[in-house]
C-alpha atoms as a PDB file:
ATOM      1  CA  UNK A   1     -59.585 124.263 -24.039  1.00  0.00           C
ATOM      2  CA  UNK A   2     -63.239 125.547 -23.880  1.00  0.00           C
ATOM      3  CA  UNK A   3     -65.655 125.663 -26.501  1.00  0.00           C
ATOM      4  CA  UNK A   4     -65.087 129.535 -26.770  1.00  0.00           C
ATOM      5  CA  UNK A   5     -61.400 128.859 -27.749  1.00  0.00           C
ATOM      6  CA  UNK A   6     -62.331 126.395 -30.279  1.00  0.00           C
ATOM      7  CA  UNK A   7     -64.418 128.707 -32.075  1.00  0.00           C
ATOM      8  CA  UNK A   8     -61.883 131.496 -32.085  1.00  0.00           C
ATOM      9  CA  UNK A   9     -59.293 129.152 -33.356  1.00  0.00           C
ATOM     10  CA  UNK A  10     -61.651 127.971 -35.938  1.00  0.00           C
ATOM     11  CA  UNK A  11     -62.427 131.491 -37.067  1.00  0.00           C
ATOM     12  CA  UNK A  12     -58.873 132.494 -37.213  1.00  0.00           C
ATOM     13  CA  UNK A  13     -57.856 129.306 -39.351  1.00  0.00           C
ATOM     14  CA  UNK A  14     -60.684 130.109 -41.653  1.00  0.00           C
ATOM     15  CA  UNK A  15     -59.428 133.407 -42.253  1.00  0.00           C
ATOM     16  CA  UNK A  16     -55.898 132.429 -42.736  1.00  0.00           C
ATOM     17  CA  UNK A  17     -56.971 129.666 -45.024  1.00  0.00           C
ATOM     18  CA  UNK A  18     -59.217 132.226 -46.879  1.00  0.00           C
ATOM     19  CA  UNK A  19     -56.280 134.263 -47.243  1.00  0.00           C
ATOM     20  CA  UNK A  20     -53.952 131.881 -48.687  1.00  0.00           C
ATOM     21  CA  UNK A  21     -56.468 130.754 -51.207  1.00  0.00           C
ATOM     22  CA  UNK A  22     -57.121 134.143 -52.404  1.00  0.00           C
ATOM     23  CA  UNK A  23     -53.587 134.747 -52.667  1.00  0.00           C
ATOM     24  CA  UNK A  24     -52.849 131.727 -54.975  1.00  0.00           C
ATOM     25  CA  UNK A  25     -55.956 132.583 -57.164  1.00  0.00           C
ATOM     26  CA  UNK A  26     -54.768 136.295 -57.377  1.00  0.00           C
ATOM     27  CA  UNK A  27     -57.654 137.726 -55.794  1.00  0.00           C
ATOM     28  CA  UNK A  28     -56.745 141.348 -55.047  1.00  0.00           C
ATOM     29  CA  UNK A  29     -56.612 141.931 -51.333  1.00  0.00           C
ATOM     30  CA  UNK A  30     -58.002 145.437 -50.938  1.00  0.00           C
ATOM     31  CA  UNK A  31     -61.416 144.067 -52.450  1.00  0.00           C
ATOM     32  CA  UNK A  32     -64.279 144.074 -49.963  1.00  0.00           C
ATOM     33  CA  UNK A  33     -65.893 140.619 -49.170  1.00  0.00           C
ATOM     34  CA  UNK A  34     -68.783 140.937 -51.696  1.00  0.00           C
ATOM     35  CA  UNK A  35     -66.151 141.732 -54.234  1.00  0.00           C
ATOM     36  CA  UNK A  36     -63.830 139.012 -53.554  1.00  0.00           C
ATOM     37  CA  UNK A  37     -66.939 136.564 -53.693  1.00  0.00           C
ATOM     38  CA  UNK A  38     -67.922 137.824 -57.165  1.00  0.00           C
ATOM     39  CA  UNK A  39     -64.091 137.346 -58.217  1.00  0.00           C
ATOM     40  CA  UNK A  40     -63.957 133.889 -56.782  1.00  0.00           C
ATOM     41  CA  UNK A  41     -67.197 133.145 -58.760  1.00  0.00           C
ATOM     42  CA  UNK A  42     -65.776 134.395 -61.992  1.00  0.00           C
ATOM     43  CA  UNK A  43     -62.359 132.400 -61.444  1.00  0.00           C
ATOM     44  CA  UNK A  44     -64.470 129.218 -60.953  1.00  0.00           C
ATOM     45  CA  UNK A  45     -66.752 130.030 -64.077  1.00  0.00           C
ATOM     46  CA  UNK A  46     -63.715 130.884 -66.101  1.00  0.00           C
ATOM     47  CA  UNK A  47     -61.958 127.374 -65.114  1.00  0.00           C
ATOM     48  CA  UNK A  48     -65.152 125.664 -65.675  1.00  0.00           C
ATOM     49  CA  UNK A  49     -65.776 127.060 -69.345  1.00  0.00           C
ATOM     50  CA  UNK A  50     -61.942 126.449 -70.134  1.00  0.00           C
ATOM     51  CA  UNK A  51     -62.250 122.871 -69.234  1.00  0.00           C
ATOM     52  CA  UNK A  52     -65.609 122.468 -71.332  1.00  0.00           C
ATOM     53  CA  UNK A  53     -64.068 124.467 -74.197  1.00  0.00           C
ATOM     54  CA  UNK A  54     -60.848 121.808 -74.044  1.00  0.00           C
ATOM     55  CA  UNK A  55     -63.106 118.875 -74.079  1.00  0.00           C
ATOM     56  CA  UNK A  56     -65.395 120.345 -77.016  1.00  0.00           C
ATOM     57  CA  UNK A  57     -62.159 121.034 -79.276  1.00  0.00           C
ATOM     58  CA  UNK A  58     -61.231 117.421 -79.216  1.00  0.00           C
ATOM     59  CA  UNK A  59     -64.504 116.319 -80.458  1.00  0.00           C
ATOM     60  CA  UNK A  60     -65.355 115.920 -84.235  1.00  0.00           C
ATOM     61  CA  UNK A  61     -68.072 118.555 -84.032  1.00  0.00           C
ATOM     62  CA  UNK A  62     -65.880 121.326 -83.003  1.00  0.00           C
ATOM     63  CA  UNK A  63     -62.623 120.216 -84.370  1.00  0.00           C
ATOM     64  CA  UNK A  64     -60.823 123.218 -86.124  1.00  0.00           C
ATOM     65  CA  UNK A  65     -63.088 125.914 -84.621  1.00  0.00           C
ATOM     66  CA  UNK A  66     -61.894 128.511 -82.412  1.00  0.00           C
ATOM     67  CA  UNK A  67     -63.102 128.691 -78.724  1.00  0.00           C
ATOM     68  CA  UNK A  68     -65.085 131.860 -79.865  1.00  0.00           C
ATOM     69  CA  UNK A  69     -66.756 129.990 -82.563  1.00  0.00           C
ATOM     70  CA  UNK A  70     -67.648 127.188 -80.281  1.00  0.00           C
ATOM     71  CA  UNK A  71     -69.023 129.500 -77.468  1.00  0.00           C
ATOM     72  CA  UNK A  72     -71.321 131.125 -80.221  1.00  0.00           C
ATOM     73  CA  UNK A  73     -72.518 127.701 -81.488  1.00  0.00           C
ATOM     74  CA  UNK A  74     -73.381 126.670 -77.793  1.00  0.00           C
ATOM     75  CA  UNK A  75     -75.233 129.938 -76.747  1.00  0.00           C
END
């Protein structure tokens, strides 16, 4: 196996992996690469924000507040 064959395999594997991950995350396949990247960033941001809100709701400061109220207090 030459180095060129390895590179082709790596690129092919990366494309398949990306396709699988995008499919699992619900990325619309008709998007171009820039749109897909923005979608991925938004998904990650939403997941991170959801975790932060979940943790904030457990604290005494935010107990009983809605997620919208918590976000308004944090901004």
